[in-house]
């Protein structure tokens, strides 16, 4: 397991975007899901976003936004989604449940690359 070596360094709290339309929020979250900085989360979150973002309510979009932008160490998201680390209460919600189920890949889908972008 990879941990940040110095937990005493302050990490600024993520500020949710204000006055953002739902379409703009979905587009931003799709981009952020695809550009993670580590292959594992890029694959997990891009396939998750491709499947679920357009079906999420405004509240679910906010929960997802908080998860992928507030957690300062991408490995933590990976460890939470794969049940390696205990999930903090603030992220233990319906979106995390959906993500954990997605990670289990019960339909045995091939997820070796990010899904193609869909242009409307």
N, C-alpha and C. Protein backbone atom coordinates (compact mmCIF):
# COMPACT_ATOMS: atom_id res chain seq x y z
N UNK A 1 0.85 -1.17 0.00
CA UNK A 1 0.00 0.00 0.00
C UNK A 1 0.90 1.23 0.00
N UNK A 2 0.55 2.21 -0.81
CA UNK A 2 1.31 3.45 -0.91
C UNK A 2 0.62 4.50 -0.07
N UNK A 3 1.38 5.11 0.85
CA UNK A 3 0.85 6.18 1.68
C UNK A 3 1.70 7.43 1.50
N UNK A 4 1.08 8.57 1.71
CA UNK A 4 1.84 9.82 1.69
C UNK A 4 2.77 9.79 2.89
N UNK A 5 4.06 10.12 2.71
CA UNK A 5 5.02 10.01 3.81
C UNK A 5 4.79 11.01 4.93
N UNK A 6 4.37 12.23 4.63
CA UNK A 6 4.22 13.25 5.66
C UNK A 6 2.77 13.71 5.71
N UNK A 7 2.04 13.21 6.68
CA UNK A 7 0.61 13.54 6.80
C UNK A 7 0.40 14.92 7.43
N UNK A 8 1.47 15.57 7.90
CA UNK A 8 1.33 16.86 8.56
C UNK A 8 1.22 18.02 7.57
N UNK A 9 1.52 17.78 6.30
CA UNK A 9 1.42 18.85 5.32
C UNK A 9 -0.04 19.20 5.09
N UNK A 10 -0.38 20.48 5.19
CA UNK A 10 -1.79 20.86 5.00
C UNK A 10 -2.20 20.75 3.53
N UNK A 11 -3.38 20.23 3.32
CA UNK A 11 -3.94 20.13 1.98
C UNK A 11 -5.18 21.02 1.96
N UNK A 12 -5.23 21.98 1.03
CA UNK A 12 -6.41 22.86 1.00
C UNK A 12 -7.69 22.08 0.76
N UNK A 13 -8.76 22.49 1.41
CA UNK A 13 -10.05 21.83 1.22
C UNK A 13 -10.60 22.20 -0.15
N UNK A 14 -11.14 21.22 -0.83
CA UNK A 14 -11.71 21.43 -2.16
C UNK A 14 -12.94 22.31 -2.06
N UNK A 15 -13.00 23.30 -2.91
CA UNK A 15 -14.16 24.20 -2.97
C UNK A 15 -15.04 23.79 -4.15
N UNK A 16 -16.26 23.39 -3.85
CA UNK A 16 -17.19 23.00 -4.92
C UNK A 16 -17.41 24.20 -5.84
N UNK A 17 -17.55 23.92 -7.13
CA UNK A 17 -17.81 24.98 -8.12
C UNK A 17 -19.21 25.53 -7.89
N UNK A 18 -19.34 26.84 -7.95
CA UNK A 18 -20.62 27.51 -7.76
C UNK A 18 -21.20 27.92 -9.12
N UNK A 19 -22.51 27.92 -9.22
CA UNK A 19 -23.21 28.38 -10.42
C UNK A 19 -22.78 27.64 -11.68
N UNK A 20 -22.54 26.37 -11.55
CA UNK A 20 -22.14 25.54 -12.68
C UNK A 20 -23.38 24.78 -13.17
N UNK A 21 -23.65 24.84 -14.46
CA UNK A 21 -24.80 24.10 -14.97
C UNK A 21 -24.52 22.60 -14.86
N UNK A 22 -25.57 21.82 -14.88
CA UNK A 22 -25.42 20.37 -14.78
C UNK A 22 -24.62 19.82 -15.95
N UNK A 23 -24.85 20.33 -17.15
CA UNK A 23 -24.10 19.86 -18.32
C UNK A 23 -22.61 20.17 -18.19
N UNK A 24 -22.29 21.36 -17.72
CA UNK A 24 -20.89 21.75 -17.54
C UNK A 24 -20.26 20.89 -16.45
N UNK A 25 -21.00 20.65 -15.37
CA UNK A 25 -20.48 19.81 -14.29
C UNK A 25 -20.19 18.40 -14.79
N UNK A 26 -21.11 17.83 -15.54
CA UNK A 26 -20.89 16.48 -16.08
C UNK A 26 -19.66 16.45 -16.99
N UNK A 27 -19.52 17.45 -17.83
CA UNK A 27 -18.36 17.51 -18.74
C UNK A 27 -17.06 17.62 -17.94
N UNK A 28 -17.05 18.46 -16.91
CA UNK A 28 -15.85 18.61 -16.07
C UNK A 28 -15.53 17.31 -15.35
N UNK A 29 -16.53 16.68 -14.77
CA UNK A 29 -16.30 15.43 -14.05
C UNK A 29 -15.84 14.31 -14.98
N UNK A 30 -16.35 14.29 -16.20
CA UNK A 30 -15.88 13.30 -17.17
C UNK A 30 -14.40 13.53 -17.46
N UNK A 31 -14.03 14.77 -17.71
CA UNK A 31 -12.62 15.10 -17.96
C UNK A 31 -11.76 14.70 -16.77
N UNK A 32 -12.19 15.08 -15.57
CA UNK A 32 -11.41 14.79 -14.36
C UNK A 32 -11.34 13.29 -14.08
N UNK A 33 -12.35 12.55 -14.50
CA UNK A 33 -12.33 11.10 -14.31
C UNK A 33 -11.32 10.44 -15.25
N UNK A 34 -11.08 11.05 -16.38
CA UNK A 34 -10.17 10.48 -17.38
C UNK A 34 -8.72 10.89 -17.14
N UNK A 35 -8.48 11.99 -16.49
CA UNK A 35 -7.13 12.54 -16.31
C UNK A 35 -6.72 12.45 -14.84
N UNK A 36 -6.36 11.26 -14.40
CA UNK A 36 -6.11 11.03 -12.98
C UNK A 36 -4.65 11.05 -12.58
N UNK A 37 -3.74 10.77 -13.47
CA UNK A 37 -2.34 10.73 -13.08
C UNK A 37 -1.86 9.34 -12.70
N UNK A 38 -2.76 8.39 -12.60
CA UNK A 38 -2.38 6.99 -12.39
C UNK A 38 -3.31 6.13 -13.23
N UNK A 39 -2.74 5.17 -13.90
CA UNK A 39 -3.47 4.35 -14.86
C UNK A 39 -4.68 3.66 -14.23
N UNK A 40 -4.50 3.08 -13.05
CA UNK A 40 -5.58 2.32 -12.42
C UNK A 40 -6.83 3.18 -12.24
N UNK A 41 -6.68 4.36 -11.67
CA UNK A 41 -7.85 5.21 -11.46
C UNK A 41 -8.36 5.80 -12.77
N UNK A 42 -7.47 6.05 -13.71
CA UNK A 42 -7.93 6.52 -15.01
C UNK A 42 -8.88 5.52 -15.65
N UNK A 43 -8.53 4.24 -15.56
CA UNK A 43 -9.40 3.19 -16.12
C UNK A 43 -10.68 3.02 -15.30
N UNK A 44 -10.52 2.94 -13.99
CA UNK A 44 -11.70 2.73 -13.13
C UNK A 44 -12.67 3.90 -13.25
N UNK A 45 -12.17 5.12 -13.07
CA UNK A 45 -13.07 6.27 -13.02
C UNK A 45 -13.61 6.65 -14.40
N UNK A 46 -12.82 6.46 -15.46
CA UNK A 46 -13.33 6.80 -16.79
C UNK A 46 -14.44 5.84 -17.21
N UNK A 47 -14.29 4.56 -16.91
CA UNK A 47 -15.35 3.61 -17.26
C UNK A 47 -16.58 3.82 -16.37
N UNK A 48 -16.35 4.15 -15.10
CA UNK A 48 -17.45 4.46 -14.19
C UNK A 48 -18.21 5.70 -14.68
N UNK A 49 -17.48 6.76 -15.00
CA UNK A 49 -18.11 8.00 -15.46
C UNK A 49 -18.87 7.77 -16.76
N UNK A 50 -18.29 7.01 -17.65
CA UNK A 50 -18.94 6.73 -18.93
C UNK A 50 -20.27 6.02 -18.73
N UNK A 51 -20.32 5.14 -17.76
CA UNK A 51 -21.54 4.37 -17.51
C UNK A 51 -22.57 5.14 -16.68
N UNK A 52 -22.13 5.94 -15.71
CA UNK A 52 -23.07 6.49 -14.73
C UNK A 52 -23.29 8.00 -14.74
N UNK A 53 -22.34 8.79 -15.22
CA UNK A 53 -22.46 10.25 -15.08
C UNK A 53 -23.77 10.80 -15.61
N UNK A 54 -24.18 10.38 -16.78
CA UNK A 54 -25.40 10.93 -17.38
C UNK A 54 -26.67 10.50 -16.67
N UNK A 55 -26.57 9.51 -15.78
CA UNK A 55 -27.74 9.03 -15.03
C UNK A 55 -27.79 9.62 -13.62
N UNK A 56 -26.73 10.31 -13.20
CA UNK A 56 -26.65 10.80 -11.82
C UNK A 56 -27.51 12.03 -11.60
N UNK A 57 -28.11 12.08 -10.40
CA UNK A 57 -28.85 13.26 -9.98
C UNK A 57 -27.85 14.36 -9.61
N UNK A 58 -28.35 15.55 -9.39
CA UNK A 58 -27.48 16.67 -8.98
C UNK A 58 -26.75 16.34 -7.68
N UNK A 59 -27.45 15.74 -6.72
CA UNK A 59 -26.82 15.36 -5.46
C UNK A 59 -25.74 14.31 -5.67
N UNK A 60 -26.01 13.32 -6.51
CA UNK A 60 -25.01 12.29 -6.79
C UNK A 60 -23.79 12.89 -7.49
N UNK A 61 -24.02 13.84 -8.40
CA UNK A 61 -22.89 14.51 -9.05
C UNK A 61 -22.03 15.23 -8.02
N UNK A 62 -22.67 15.88 -7.04
CA UNK A 62 -21.91 16.56 -5.98
C UNK A 62 -21.10 15.57 -5.15
N UNK A 63 -21.69 14.42 -4.83
CA UNK A 63 -20.96 13.40 -4.06
C UNK A 63 -19.76 12.88 -4.85
N UNK A 64 -19.95 12.65 -6.14
CA UNK A 64 -18.86 12.18 -6.99
C UNK A 64 -17.77 13.25 -7.12
N UNK A 65 -18.19 14.49 -7.31
CA UNK A 65 -17.26 15.62 -7.39
C UNK A 65 -16.41 15.68 -6.13
N UNK A 66 -17.04 15.58 -4.98
CA UNK A 66 -16.31 15.61 -3.71
C UNK A 66 -15.33 14.45 -3.61
N UNK A 67 -15.75 13.27 -4.01
CA UNK A 67 -14.87 12.10 -3.92
C UNK A 67 -13.63 12.26 -4.78
N UNK A 68 -13.80 12.61 -6.05
CA UNK A 68 -12.63 12.63 -6.93
C UNK A 68 -11.78 13.89 -6.79
N UNK A 69 -12.31 14.92 -6.12
CA UNK A 69 -11.55 16.16 -5.99
C UNK A 69 -11.10 16.48 -4.57
N UNK A 70 -11.77 15.96 -3.56
CA UNK A 70 -11.36 16.24 -2.18
C UNK A 70 -10.26 15.30 -1.71
N UNK A 71 -10.32 14.05 -2.08
CA UNK A 71 -9.29 13.09 -1.67
C UNK A 71 -7.99 13.54 -2.33
N UNK A 72 -6.96 13.81 -1.51
CA UNK A 72 -5.73 14.39 -2.05
C UNK A 72 -4.77 13.35 -2.61
N UNK A 73 -4.95 12.09 -2.29
CA UNK A 73 -4.06 11.04 -2.75
C UNK A 73 -4.89 10.07 -3.59
N UNK A 74 -4.60 10.01 -4.88
CA UNK A 74 -5.39 9.15 -5.77
C UNK A 74 -5.34 7.68 -5.35
N UNK A 75 -4.25 7.27 -4.72
CA UNK A 75 -4.20 5.89 -4.24
C UNK A 75 -5.29 5.62 -3.22
N UNK A 76 -5.66 6.63 -2.42
CA UNK A 76 -6.73 6.43 -1.44
C UNK A 76 -8.04 6.09 -2.13
N UNK A 77 -8.37 6.79 -3.22
CA UNK A 77 -9.59 6.46 -3.96
C UNK A 77 -9.55 5.01 -4.41
N UNK A 78 -8.41 4.61 -4.93
CA UNK A 78 -8.24 3.22 -5.39
C UNK A 78 -8.44 2.25 -4.23
N UNK A 79 -7.81 2.52 -3.10
CA UNK A 79 -7.91 1.63 -1.94
C UNK A 79 -9.32 1.59 -1.37
N UNK A 80 -10.04 2.71 -1.38
CA UNK A 80 -11.43 2.71 -0.91
C UNK A 80 -12.30 1.88 -1.85
N UNK A 81 -12.14 2.09 -3.15
CA UNK A 81 -12.98 1.40 -4.14
C UNK A 81 -12.74 -0.10 -4.16
N UNK A 82 -11.53 -0.51 -3.80
CA UNK A 82 -11.18 -1.94 -3.82
C UNK A 82 -11.23 -2.57 -2.43
N UNK A 83 -11.75 -1.84 -1.45
CA UNK A 83 -11.90 -2.32 -0.07
C UNK A 83 -10.58 -2.68 0.61
N UNK A 84 -9.51 -2.02 0.23
CA UNK A 84 -8.23 -2.24 0.90
C UNK A 84 -8.12 -1.35 2.13
N UNK A 85 -8.63 -0.13 2.03
CA UNK A 85 -8.63 0.79 3.17
C UNK A 85 -10.07 1.06 3.60
N UNK A 86 -10.23 1.32 4.88
CA UNK A 86 -11.55 1.69 5.39
C UNK A 86 -11.96 3.04 4.79
N UNK A 87 -13.20 3.13 4.40
CA UNK A 87 -13.70 4.34 3.75
C UNK A 87 -14.13 5.34 4.82
N UNK A 88 -13.59 6.57 4.77
CA UNK A 88 -14.03 7.60 5.72
C UNK A 88 -15.52 7.89 5.53
N UNK A 89 -16.18 8.27 6.60
CA UNK A 89 -17.63 8.49 6.59
C UNK A 89 -18.06 9.47 5.49
N UNK A 90 -17.27 10.51 5.25
CA UNK A 90 -17.68 11.52 4.26
C UNK A 90 -17.74 10.98 2.83
N UNK A 91 -17.06 9.85 2.57
CA UNK A 91 -17.08 9.26 1.23
C UNK A 91 -17.87 7.96 1.18
N UNK A 92 -18.34 7.50 2.32
CA UNK A 92 -19.08 6.24 2.38
C UNK A 92 -20.56 6.53 2.10
N UNK A 93 -20.90 6.55 0.82
CA UNK A 93 -22.24 6.95 0.40
C UNK A 93 -22.64 6.14 -0.84
N UNK A 94 -23.75 6.51 -1.44
CA UNK A 94 -24.26 5.75 -2.57
C UNK A 94 -23.30 5.75 -3.77
N UNK A 95 -22.57 6.83 -3.96
CA UNK A 95 -21.61 6.87 -5.07
C UNK A 95 -20.48 5.88 -4.81
N UNK A 96 -19.99 5.82 -3.59
CA UNK A 96 -18.93 4.84 -3.27
C UNK A 96 -19.46 3.43 -3.45
N UNK A 97 -20.71 3.18 -3.05
CA UNK A 97 -21.31 1.86 -3.26
C UNK A 97 -21.36 1.51 -4.75
N UNK A 98 -21.74 2.48 -5.57
CA UNK A 98 -21.78 2.26 -7.02
C UNK A 98 -20.38 2.00 -7.56
N UNK A 99 -19.40 2.77 -7.08
CA UNK A 99 -18.03 2.62 -7.54
C UNK A 99 -17.46 1.26 -7.14
N UNK A 100 -17.71 0.84 -5.91
CA UNK A 100 -17.22 -0.47 -5.46
C UNK A 100 -17.84 -1.60 -6.29
N UNK A 101 -19.12 -1.48 -6.60
CA UNK A 101 -19.76 -2.49 -7.44
C UNK A 101 -19.16 -2.47 -8.85
N UNK A 102 -18.90 -1.28 -9.35
CA UNK A 102 -18.29 -1.14 -10.68
C UNK A 102 -16.91 -1.81 -10.71
N UNK A 103 -16.14 -1.61 -9.65
CA UNK A 103 -14.79 -2.19 -9.57
C UNK A 103 -14.85 -3.72 -9.56
N UNK A 104 -15.89 -4.29 -8.95
CA UNK A 104 -16.02 -5.76 -8.93
C UNK A 104 -16.20 -6.33 -10.33
N UNK A 105 -16.74 -5.53 -11.24
CA UNK A 105 -16.88 -5.92 -12.65
C UNK A 105 -17.56 -7.28 -12.79
N UNK A 106 -18.73 -7.39 -12.20
CA UNK A 106 -19.46 -8.66 -12.20
C UNK A 106 -19.85 -9.12 -13.60
N UNK A 107 -19.95 -8.19 -14.55
CA UNK A 107 -20.28 -8.56 -15.94
C UNK A 107 -19.03 -8.95 -16.73
N UNK A 108 -17.88 -8.91 -16.09
CA UNK A 108 -16.60 -9.31 -16.71
C UNK A 108 -16.32 -8.54 -18.00
N UNK A 109 -16.56 -7.23 -17.96
CA UNK A 109 -16.29 -6.39 -19.12
C UNK A 109 -14.78 -6.17 -19.27
N UNK A 110 -14.33 -6.03 -20.49
CA UNK A 110 -12.93 -5.70 -20.73
C UNK A 110 -12.75 -4.21 -20.50
N UNK A 111 -11.84 -3.87 -19.61
CA UNK A 111 -11.59 -2.47 -19.29
C UNK A 111 -10.09 -2.20 -19.37
N UNK A 112 -9.55 -2.39 -20.55
CA UNK A 112 -8.12 -2.23 -20.75
C UNK A 112 -7.76 -0.84 -21.27
N UNK A 113 -8.78 -0.08 -21.65
CA UNK A 113 -8.54 1.28 -22.12
C UNK A 113 -9.74 2.13 -21.75
N UNK A 114 -9.53 3.42 -21.76
CA UNK A 114 -10.63 4.32 -21.46
C UNK A 114 -11.65 4.27 -22.59
N UNK A 115 -12.93 4.41 -22.25
CA UNK A 115 -13.95 4.39 -23.30
C UNK A 115 -13.79 5.59 -24.24
N UNK A 116 -14.21 5.40 -25.47
CA UNK A 116 -14.19 6.51 -26.42
C UNK A 116 -15.13 7.60 -25.94
N UNK A 117 -14.78 8.84 -26.22
CA UNK A 117 -15.65 9.96 -25.87
C UNK A 117 -16.84 9.98 -26.82
N UNK A 118 -17.99 10.33 -26.29
CA UNK A 118 -19.21 10.43 -27.09
C UNK A 118 -19.51 11.91 -27.29
N UNK A 119 -19.64 12.33 -28.53
CA UNK A 119 -19.94 13.72 -28.84
C UNK A 119 -21.38 13.84 -29.29
N UNK A 120 -22.10 14.76 -28.69
CA UNK A 120 -23.51 14.95 -29.03
C UNK A 120 -23.66 15.99 -30.11
